[in-house]
Amino acid sequence: MATTYTANRKPIPILVYHQIAAAPPKGSPFRSLYVAPEAFARQMAWLRLLGYTGLSMSGLQPYLCGERVGKVVGITFDDGYQNNLTHALPALLKQGFSSTCYAVSGLLGKTNVWDEGLGIAQTPLMNEAEIRQWVSAGQEIGSHTRQHVNLLATNDSGCRVEMAVGKTELESAIGQPVHHFCYPYGQYEPKHVAMAGELGFATATTTQRSRCHAQTDLLQLPRVPVLRSTSLPVFWLKIATGYEDRRKK
């Protein structure tokens, strides 16, 4: 399958969030991945004030492909936490924004069990009814595999099943196609990029830090992390300047 590249004239940031909730106590692992609901609401309001439109990956695609031009930001959430629905959705709707939440199809209605060995608190994930509610509110569901596996630690047939079934199970749950994928842990190799293309994903996002520039593989898109400690001035630096581009590995 031929590689498809972005053709945007100006850099486009794709924001990545995890949990929109109060952070656990100091010393808790991965505490940085929690963004307080009020901080998230301020960030969305600020985007709107600065003239940006927040878009899902499907909404962003024409801009990435150079078919449309505008002041846009991609908004993504990894893992499918229930607090994305309860805390992020109201702020998104208030500003008229769309977003993509990458859900783990085999763990709907369960918790982030892949984190348990690291001592990370177990948090509810959206169930089938909740992801349908997310979609009916104008948001998008993407795939994050079936069980949130590390593709580098899984054999080829296992990877293909995880990626394929993760897609079809979500499509069955929401009653519409799932076009976008996110590599769990940001861990992948070129063969996994090829699999994503063969399975019909239009885009795939990574944990590589940078805004999206022209001539970037649509199946290896970098993103801009928003963390608990991200102040509004730094948030602006991340989206409007080369701040994140310099952190590209």
C-alpha atoms as a PDB file:
ATOM      1  CA  MET A   1       0.000   0.000   0.000  1.00  0.00           C
ATOM      2  CA  ALA A   2       1.342   3.408  -1.005  1.00  0.00           C
ATOM      3  CA  THR A   3       2.253   5.751   1.833  1.00  0.00           C
ATOM      4  CA  THR A   4       0.095   8.855   2.068  1.00  0.00           C
ATOM      5  CA  TYR A   5       1.653  12.048   3.367  1.00  0.00           C
ATOM      6  CA  THR A   6       0.270  15.253   4.825  1.00  0.00           C
ATOM      7  CA  ALA A   7       0.185  18.362   2.644  1.00  0.00           C
ATOM      8  CA  ASN A   8      -0.741  21.115   5.108  1.00  0.00           C
ATOM      9  CA  ARG A   9       0.926  24.476   4.471  1.00  0.00           C
ATOM     10  CA  LYS A  10       1.194  25.426   8.158  1.00  0.00           C
ATOM     11  CA  PRO A  11       1.983  23.186  11.150  1.00  0.00           C
ATOM     12  CA  ILE A  12      -1.114  21.617  12.744  1.00  0.00           C
ATOM     13  CA  PRO A  13      -1.019  20.530  16.396  1.00  0.00           C
ATOM     14  CA  ILE A  14      -2.820  17.350  17.460  1.00  0.00           C
ATOM     15  CA  LEU A  15      -3.343  17.545  21.213  1.00  0.00           C
ATOM     16  CA  VAL A  16      -3.278  14.352  23.272  1.00  0.00           C
ATOM     17  CA  TYR A  17      -4.990  13.978  26.637  1.00  0.00           C
ATOM     18  CA  HIS A  18      -5.568  10.951  28.853  1.00  0.00           C
ATOM     19  CA  GLN A  19      -7.640  11.518  31.986  1.00  0.00           C
ATOM     20  CA  ILE A  20      -9.705  14.659  32.564  1.00  0.00           C
ATOM     21  CA  ALA A  21      -9.960  14.411  36.348  1.00  0.00           C
ATOM     22  CA  ALA A  22      -8.414  15.605  39.585  1.00  0.00           C
ATOM     23  CA  ALA A  23      -4.888  14.239  39.968  1.00  0.00           C
ATOM     24  CA  PRO A  24      -4.159  11.482  42.495  1.00  0.00           C
ATOM     25  CA  PRO A  25      -1.927  12.246  45.525  1.00  0.00           C
ATOM     26  CA  LYS A  26       1.655  13.435  45.051  1.00  0.00           C
ATOM     27  CA  GLY A  27       4.008  10.568  44.346  1.00  0.00           C
ATOM     28  CA  SER A  28       1.390   8.607  42.388  1.00  0.00           C
ATOM     29  CA  PRO A  29       2.749   7.151  39.122  1.00  0.00           C
ATOM     30  CA  PHE A  30       1.876   8.967  35.888  1.00  0.00           C
ATOM     31  CA  ARG A  31       0.221  11.778  37.830  1.00  0.00           C
ATOM     32  CA  SER A  32       1.195  14.100  34.986  1.00  0.00           C
ATOM     33  CA  LEU A  33      -1.381  12.464  32.698  1.00  0.00           C
ATOM     34  CA  TYR A  34      -4.318  13.892  34.659  1.00  0.00           C
ATOM     35  CA  VAL A  35      -5.665  17.267  33.530  1.00  0.00           C
ATOM     36  CA  ALA A  36      -8.153  18.870  35.925  1.00  0.00           C
ATOM     37  CA  PRO A  37     -11.628  19.444  34.430  1.00  0.00           C
ATOM     38  CA  GLU A  38     -11.437  23.189  35.089  1.00  0.00           C
ATOM     39  CA  ALA A  39      -7.998  23.380  33.417  1.00  0.00           C
ATOM     40  CA  PHE A  40      -9.316  21.510  30.379  1.00  0.00           C
ATOM     41  CA  ALA A  41     -12.310  23.863  30.167  1.00  0.00           C
ATOM     42  CA  ARG A  42      -9.981  26.875  30.291  1.00  0.00           C
ATOM     43  CA  GLN A  43      -7.799  25.401  27.529  1.00  0.00           C
ATOM     44  CA  MET A  44     -10.804  24.823  25.259  1.00  0.00           C
ATOM     45  CA  ALA A  45     -12.103  28.342  25.950  1.00  0.00           C
ATOM     46  CA  TRP A  46      -8.676  29.770  25.192  1.00  0.00           C
ATOM     47  CA  LEU A  47      -8.468  27.900  21.883  1.00  0.00           C
ATOM     48  CA  ARG A  48     -11.789  29.419  20.866  1.00  0.00           C
ATOM     49  CA  LEU A  49     -10.670  32.897  22.049  1.00  0.00           C
ATOM     50  CA  LEU A  50      -7.503  32.603  19.951  1.00  0.00           C
ATOM     51  CA  GLY A  51      -9.572  31.707  16.885  1.00  0.00           C
ATOM     52  CA  TYR A  52      -8.850  27.982  16.744  1.00  0.00           C
ATOM     53  CA  THR A  53     -11.375  25.246  16.005  1.00  0.00           C
ATOM     54  CA  GLY A  54     -10.864  21.933  17.797  1.00  0.00           C
ATOM     55  CA  LEU A  55     -11.480  18.959  15.515  1.00  0.00           C
ATOM     56  CA  SER A  56     -11.675  15.174  15.559  1.00  0.00           C
ATOM     57  CA  MET A  57      -9.251  13.255  13.347  1.00  0.00           C
ATOM     58  CA  SER A  58     -11.923  12.938  10.642  1.00  0.00           C
ATOM     59  CA  GLY A  59     -12.579  16.667  10.880  1.00  0.00           C
ATOM     60  CA  LEU A  60      -8.860  17.373  10.759  1.00  0.00           C
ATOM     61  CA  GLN A  61      -8.098  15.117   7.812  1.00  0.00           C
ATOM     62  CA  PRO A  62      -8.940  17.612   5.020  1.00  0.00           C
ATOM     63  CA  TYR A  63      -6.608  20.149   6.668  1.00  0.00           C
ATOM     64  CA  LEU A  64      -3.797  17.605   7.033  1.00  0.00           C
ATOM     65  CA  CYS A  65      -4.236  16.648   3.376  1.00  0.00           C
ATOM     66  CA  GLY A  66      -4.096  20.264   2.197  1.00  0.00           C
ATOM     67  CA  GLU A  67      -7.687  20.254   0.959  1.00  0.00           C
ATOM     68  CA  ARG A  68      -8.749  22.917   3.473  1.00  0.00           C
ATOM     69  CA  VAL A  69      -6.901  25.734   5.212  1.00  0.00           C
ATOM     70  CA  GLY A  70      -7.754  27.199   8.600  1.00  0.00           C
ATOM     71  CA  LYS A  71      -6.770  27.722  12.211  1.00  0.00           C
ATOM     72  CA  VAL A  72      -7.375  24.215  13.503  1.00  0.00           C
ATOM     73  CA  VAL A  73      -6.203  21.906  16.271  1.00  0.00           C
ATOM     74  CA  GLY A  74      -6.764  18.161  16.540  1.00  0.00           C
ATOM     75  CA  ILE A  75      -8.064  16.964  19.922  1.00  0.00           C
ATOM     76  CA  THR A  76      -7.469  13.338  20.939  1.00  0.00           C
ATOM     77  CA  PHE A  77      -7.918  11.280  24.085  1.00  0.00           C
ATOM     78  CA  ASP A  78      -6.141   7.980  24.673  1.00  0.00           C
ATOM     79  CA  ASP A  79      -7.725   4.910  26.329  1.00  0.00           C
ATOM     80  CA  GLY A  80     -11.403   5.856  26.555  1.00  0.00           C
ATOM     81  CA  TYR A  81     -11.788   6.915  30.179  1.00  0.00           C
ATOM     82  CA  GLN A  82     -15.283   7.550  31.476  1.00  0.00           C
ATOM     83  CA  ASN A  83     -14.089  10.920  32.796  1.00  0.00           C
ATOM     84  CA  ASN A  84     -13.607  12.043  29.179  1.00  0.00           C
ATOM     85  CA  LEU A  85     -17.371  11.768  28.797  1.00  0.00           C
ATOM     86  CA  THR A  86     -18.314  13.331  32.128  1.00  0.00           C
ATOM     87  CA  HIS A  87     -15.670  16.074  32.314  1.00  0.00           C
ATOM     88  CA  ALA A  88     -14.314  16.762  28.810  1.00  0.00           C
ATOM     89  CA  LEU A  89     -17.478  16.493  26.738  1.00  0.00           C
ATOM     90  CA  PRO A  90     -19.293  19.491  28.315  1.00  0.00           C
ATOM     91  CA  ALA A  91     -16.292  21.756  27.648  1.00  0.00           C
ATOM     92  CA  LEU A  92     -15.997  20.496  24.055  1.00  0.00           C
ATOM     93  CA  LEU A  93     -19.692  21.065  23.404  1.00  0.00           C
ATOM     94  CA  LYS A  94     -19.574  24.550  24.935  1.00  0.00           C
ATOM     95  CA  GLN A  95     -16.952  25.601  22.388  1.00  0.00           C
ATOM     96  CA  GLY A  96     -18.470  23.667  19.477  1.00  0.00           C
ATOM     97  CA  PHE A  97     -15.436  21.385  19.183  1.00  0.00           C
ATOM     98  CA  SER A  98     -15.167  17.763  18.091  1.00  0.00           C
ATOM     99  CA  SER A  99     -12.526  15.247  19.184  1.00  0.00           C
ATOM    100  CA  THR A 100     -11.413  11.647  18.802  1.00  0.00           C
ATOM    101  CA  CYS A 101     -11.236   9.230  21.727  1.00  0.00           C
ATOM    102  CA  TYR A 102      -9.164   6.084  21.114  1.00  0.00           C
ATOM    103  CA  ALA A 103     -10.978   3.262  22.913  1.00  0.00           C
ATOM    104  CA  VAL A 104      -9.799  -0.252  23.825  1.00  0.00           C
ATOM    105  CA  SER A 105     -12.579  -2.450  22.435  1.00  0.00           C
ATOM    106  CA  GLY A 106     -12.065  -5.479  24.677  1.00  0.00           C
ATOM    107  CA  LEU A 107     -12.086  -3.419  27.874  1.00  0.00           C
ATOM    108  CA  LEU A 108     -15.209  -1.288  27.415  1.00  0.00           C
ATOM    109  CA  GLY A 109     -16.878  -0.815  30.779  1.00  0.00           C
ATOM    110  CA  LYS A 110     -13.819  -2.127  32.613  1.00  0.00           C
ATOM    111  CA  THR A 111     -10.696  -0.317  33.861  1.00  0.00           C
ATOM    112  CA  ASN A 112      -7.140   0.455  32.721  1.00  0.00           C
ATOM    113  CA  VAL A 113      -5.908  -3.026  33.649  1.00  0.00           C
ATOM    114  CA  TRP A 114      -2.778  -2.620  31.481  1.00  0.00           C
ATOM    115  CA  ASP A 115      -1.530  -0.090  34.069  1.00  0.00           C
ATOM    116  CA  GLU A 116      -2.190  -2.232  37.149  1.00  0.00           C
ATOM    117  CA  GLY A 117       1.338  -3.635  37.375  1.00  0.00           C
ATOM    118  CA  LEU A 118       2.727  -0.083  37.508  1.00  0.00           C
ATOM    119  CA  GLY A 119       0.642   0.792  40.554  1.00  0.00           C
ATOM    120  CA  ILE A 120      -1.540   3.212  38.617  1.00  0.00           C
ATOM    121  CA  ALA A 121      -5.018   3.692  40.074  1.00  0.00           C
ATOM    122  CA  GLN A 122      -7.755   1.784  38.271  1.00  0.00           C
ATOM    123  CA  THR A 123     -10.242   4.132  36.624  1.00  0.00           C
ATOM    124  CA  PRO A 124     -13.487   3.256  34.787  1.00  0.00           C
ATOM    125  CA  LEU A 125     -13.441   3.166  30.997  1.00  0.00           C
ATOM    126  CA  MET A 126     -16.507   4.080  28.958  1.00  0.00           C
ATOM    127  CA  ASN A 127     -18.869   1.190  28.282  1.00  0.00           C
ATOM    128  CA  GLU A 128     -20.702   0.559  24.999  1.00  0.00           C
ATOM    129  CA  ALA A 129     -23.635   2.789  25.872  1.00  0.00           C
ATOM    130  CA  GLU A 130     -21.259   5.586  26.882  1.00  0.00           C
ATOM    131  CA  ILE A 131     -19.186   5.453  23.696  1.00  0.00           C
ATOM    132  CA  ARG A 132     -22.454   5.642  21.749  1.00  0.00           C
ATOM    133  CA  GLN A 133     -23.382   8.673  23.857  1.00  0.00           C
ATOM    134  CA  TRP A 134     -19.968  10.180  23.021  1.00  0.00           C
ATOM    135  CA  VAL A 135     -20.563   9.668  19.305  1.00  0.00           C
ATOM    136  CA  SER A 136     -24.158  10.914  19.407  1.00  0.00           C
ATOM    137  CA  ALA A 137     -22.804  14.134  20.969  1.00  0.00           C
ATOM    138  CA  GLY A 138     -20.748  14.775  17.820  1.00  0.00           C
ATOM    139  CA  GLN A 139     -17.483  13.234  18.989  1.00  0.00           C
ATOM    140  CA  GLU A 140     -15.524  10.397  17.357  1.00  0.00           C
ATOM    141  CA  ILE A 141     -14.240   6.993  18.447  1.00  0.00           C
ATOM    142  CA  GLY A 142     -10.899   5.681  17.208  1.00  0.00           C
ATOM    143  CA  SER A 143      -9.206   2.348  17.927  1.00  0.00           C
ATOM    144  CA  HIS A 144      -6.466   1.667  20.469  1.00  0.00           C
ATOM    145  CA  THR A 145      -6.370  -2.132  19.823  1.00  0.00           C
ATOM    146  CA  ARG A 146      -8.495  -4.752  21.556  1.00  0.00           C
ATOM    147  CA  GLN A 147      -6.556  -5.123  24.828  1.00  0.00           C
ATOM    148  CA  HIS A 148      -4.083  -2.175  24.857  1.00  0.00           C
ATOM    149  CA  VAL A 149      -1.165  -4.450  23.962  1.00  0.00           C
ATOM    150  CA  ASN A 150       2.428  -3.474  23.330  1.00  0.00           C
ATOM    151  CA  LEU A 151       2.735  -4.307  19.637  1.00  0.00           C
ATOM    152  CA  LEU A 152       6.504  -4.767  19.975  1.00  0.00           C
ATOM    153  CA  ALA A 153       5.916  -7.552  22.521  1.00  0.00           C
ATOM    154  CA  THR A 154       3.235  -9.298  20.411  1.00  0.00           C
ATOM    155  CA  ASN A 155       3.783 -11.628  17.455  1.00  0.00           C
ATOM    156  CA  ASP A 156       2.628 -10.578  13.986  1.00  0.00           C
ATOM    157  CA  SER A 157      -0.590 -12.609  13.950  1.00  0.00           C
ATOM    158  CA  GLY A 158      -1.436 -11.339  17.441  1.00  0.00           C
ATOM    159  CA  CYS A 159      -0.855  -7.747  16.346  1.00  0.00           C
ATOM    160  CA  ARG A 160      -3.088  -8.177  13.328  1.00  0.00           C
ATOM    161  CA  VAL A 161      -5.884  -9.641  15.478  1.00  0.00           C
ATOM    162  CA  GLU A 162      -5.529  -6.850  18.059  1.00  0.00           C
ATOM    163  CA  MET A 163      -5.679  -4.167  15.405  1.00  0.00           C
ATOM    164  CA  ALA A 164      -8.374  -5.763  13.244  1.00  0.00           C
ATOM    165  CA  VAL A 165     -10.713  -6.904  16.014  1.00  0.00           C
ATOM    166  CA  GLY A 166     -10.189  -3.657  17.932  1.00  0.00           C
ATOM    167  CA  LYS A 167     -11.564  -1.899  14.860  1.00  0.00           C
ATOM    168  CA  THR A 168     -14.482  -4.223  14.067  1.00  0.00           C
ATOM    169  CA  GLU A 169     -15.683  -4.485  17.682  1.00  0.00           C
ATOM    170  CA  LEU A 170     -15.865  -0.715  18.003  1.00  0.00           C
ATOM    171  CA  GLU A 171     -17.617  -0.448  14.632  1.00  0.00           C
ATOM    172  CA  SER A 172     -20.201  -2.942  15.878  1.00  0.00           C
ATOM    173  CA  ALA A 173     -20.629  -1.009  19.138  1.00  0.00           C
ATOM    174  CA  ILE A 174     -21.184   2.406  17.551  1.00  0.00           C
ATOM    175  CA  GLY A 175     -22.764   1.326  14.268  1.00  0.00           C
ATOM    176  CA  GLN A 176     -20.373   3.237  12.028  1.00  0.00           C
ATOM    177  CA  PRO A 177     -16.879   2.857  10.535  1.00  0.00           C
ATOM    178  CA  VAL A 178     -13.767   3.477  12.661  1.00  0.00           C
ATOM    179  CA  HIS A 179     -11.158   5.218  10.514  1.00  0.00           C
ATOM    180  CA  HIS A 180      -8.465   6.219  13.009  1.00  0.00           C
ATOM    181  CA  PHE A 181      -5.922   4.289  15.078  1.00  0.00           C
ATOM    182  CA  CYS A 182      -3.488   5.033  17.895  1.00  0.00           C
ATOM    183  CA  TYR A 183      -0.462   2.836  18.704  1.00  0.00           C
ATOM    184  CA  PRO A 184      -0.625   1.755  22.387  1.00  0.00           C
ATOM    185  CA  TYR A 185       2.326   3.098  24.409  1.00  0.00           C
ATOM    186  CA  GLY A 186       3.531   4.709  21.177  1.00  0.00           C
ATOM    187  CA  GLN A 187       5.343   1.428  20.497  1.00  0.00           C
ATOM    188  CA  TYR A 188       5.386   0.191  16.901  1.00  0.00           C
ATOM    189  CA  GLU A 189       7.560  -0.791  13.933  1.00  0.00           C
ATOM    190  CA  PRO A 190       7.186  -0.227  10.171  1.00  0.00           C
ATOM    191  CA  LYS A 191       5.281  -3.538   9.838  1.00  0.00           C
ATOM    192  CA  HIS A 192       2.607  -2.208  12.204  1.00  0.00           C
ATOM    193  CA  VAL A 193       2.280   0.946  10.096  1.00  0.00           C
ATOM    194  CA  ALA A 194       1.753  -1.312   7.070  1.00  0.00           C
ATOM    195  CA  MET A 195      -0.878  -3.313   8.987  1.00  0.00           C
ATOM    196  CA  ALA A 196      -2.744  -0.121   9.876  1.00  0.00           C
ATOM    197  CA  GLY A 197      -2.873   0.791   6.196  1.00  0.00           C
ATOM    198  CA  GLU A 198      -3.958  -2.699   5.136  1.00  0.00           C
ATOM    199  CA  LEU A 199      -6.770  -2.635   7.700  1.00  0.00           C
ATOM    200  CA  GLY A 200      -8.108   0.578   6.202  1.00  0.00           C
ATOM    201  CA  PHE A 201      -7.170   3.145   8.834  1.00  0.00           C
ATOM    202  CA  ALA A 202      -6.949   6.650   7.355  1.00  0.00           C
ATOM    203  CA  THR A 203      -4.665   7.978  10.111  1.00  0.00           C
ATOM    204  CA  ALA A 204      -2.658   6.635  13.020  1.00  0.00           C
ATOM    205  CA  THR A 205      -1.219   8.704  15.852  1.00  0.00           C
ATOM    206  CA  THR A 206       1.962   8.200  17.858  1.00  0.00           C
ATOM    207  CA  THR A 207       3.556   9.575  21.030  1.00  0.00           C
ATOM    208  CA  GLN A 208       6.267  11.355  19.056  1.00  0.00           C
ATOM    209  CA  ARG A 209       6.236  15.021  20.088  1.00  0.00           C
ATOM    210  CA  SER A 210       5.753  17.657  17.412  1.00  0.00           C
ATOM    211  CA  ARG A 211       3.095  19.510  15.525  1.00  0.00           C
ATOM    212  CA  CYS A 212       2.188  17.950  12.159  1.00  0.00           C
ATOM    213  CA  HIS A 213       4.181  19.359   9.275  1.00  0.00           C
ATOM    214  CA  ALA A 214       3.850  18.697   5.547  1.00  0.00           C
ATOM    215  CA  GLN A 215       5.201  15.404   4.241  1.00  0.00           C
ATOM    216  CA  THR A 216       4.416  13.463   7.423  1.00  0.00           C
ATOM    217  CA  ASP A 217       3.136   9.899   7.056  1.00  0.00           C
ATOM    218  CA  LEU A 218      -0.602   9.950   7.884  1.00  0.00           C
ATOM    219  CA  LEU A 219      -0.090   6.626   9.681  1.00  0.00           C
ATOM    220  CA  GLN A 220       2.697   8.039  11.897  1.00  0.00           C
ATOM    221  CA  LEU A 221       1.329  11.385  13.063  1.00  0.00           C
ATOM    222  CA  PRO A 222       3.081  13.126  15.979  1.00  0.00           C
ATOM    223  CA  ARG A 223       1.104  14.794  18.750  1.00  0.00           C
ATOM    224  CA  VAL A 224       1.369  17.511  21.388  1.00  0.00           C
ATOM    225  CA  PRO A 225       0.968  16.232  24.971  1.00  0.00           C
ATOM    226  CA  VAL A 226      -1.096  18.292  27.405  1.00  0.00           C
ATOM    227  CA  LEU A 227      -0.170  17.486  31.003  1.00  0.00           C
ATOM    228  CA  ARG A 228      -1.324  18.340  34.518  1.00  0.00           C
ATOM    229  CA  SER A 229       1.442  20.951  34.742  1.00  0.00           C
ATOM    230  CA  THR A 230       0.699  22.620  31.379  1.00  0.00           C
ATOM    231  CA  SER A 231      -0.072  26.276  32.150  1.00  0.00           C
ATOM    232  CA  LEU A 232      -2.011  28.429  29.677  1.00  0.00           C
ATOM    233  CA  PRO A 233       1.140  30.258  28.474  1.00  0.00           C
ATOM    234  CA  VAL A 234       2.873  26.920  27.838  1.00  0.00           C
ATOM    235  CA  PHE A 235      -0.299  25.579  26.212  1.00  0.00           C
ATOM    236  CA  TRP A 236      -0.108  28.516  23.777  1.00  0.00           C
ATOM    237  CA  LEU A 237       3.591  27.852  23.134  1.00  0.00           C
ATOM    238  CA  LYS A 238       2.811  24.210  22.361  1.00  0.00           C
ATOM    239  CA  ILE A 239       0.186  24.977  19.719  1.00  0.00           C
ATOM    240  CA  ALA A 240       1.355  28.257  18.181  1.00  0.00           C
ATOM    241  CA  THR A 241       5.166  28.002  18.124  1.00  0.00           C
ATOM    242  CA  GLY A 242       7.959  25.513  17.477  1.00  0.00           C
ATOM    243  CA  TYR A 243       8.095  24.610  21.201  1.00  0.00           C
ATOM    244  CA  GLU A 244       6.997  20.988  20.623  1.00  0.00           C
ATOM    245  CA  ASP A 245       8.710  20.617  17.253  1.00  0.00           C
ATOM    246  CA  ARG A 246      12.077  20.932  18.987  1.00  0.00           C
ATOM    247  CA  ARG A 247      11.159  17.989  21.207  1.00  0.00           C
ATOM    248  CA  LYS A 248      10.718  15.636  18.294  1.00  0.00           C
ATOM    249  CA  LYS A 249      12.775  12.514  18.912  1.00  0.00           C
END
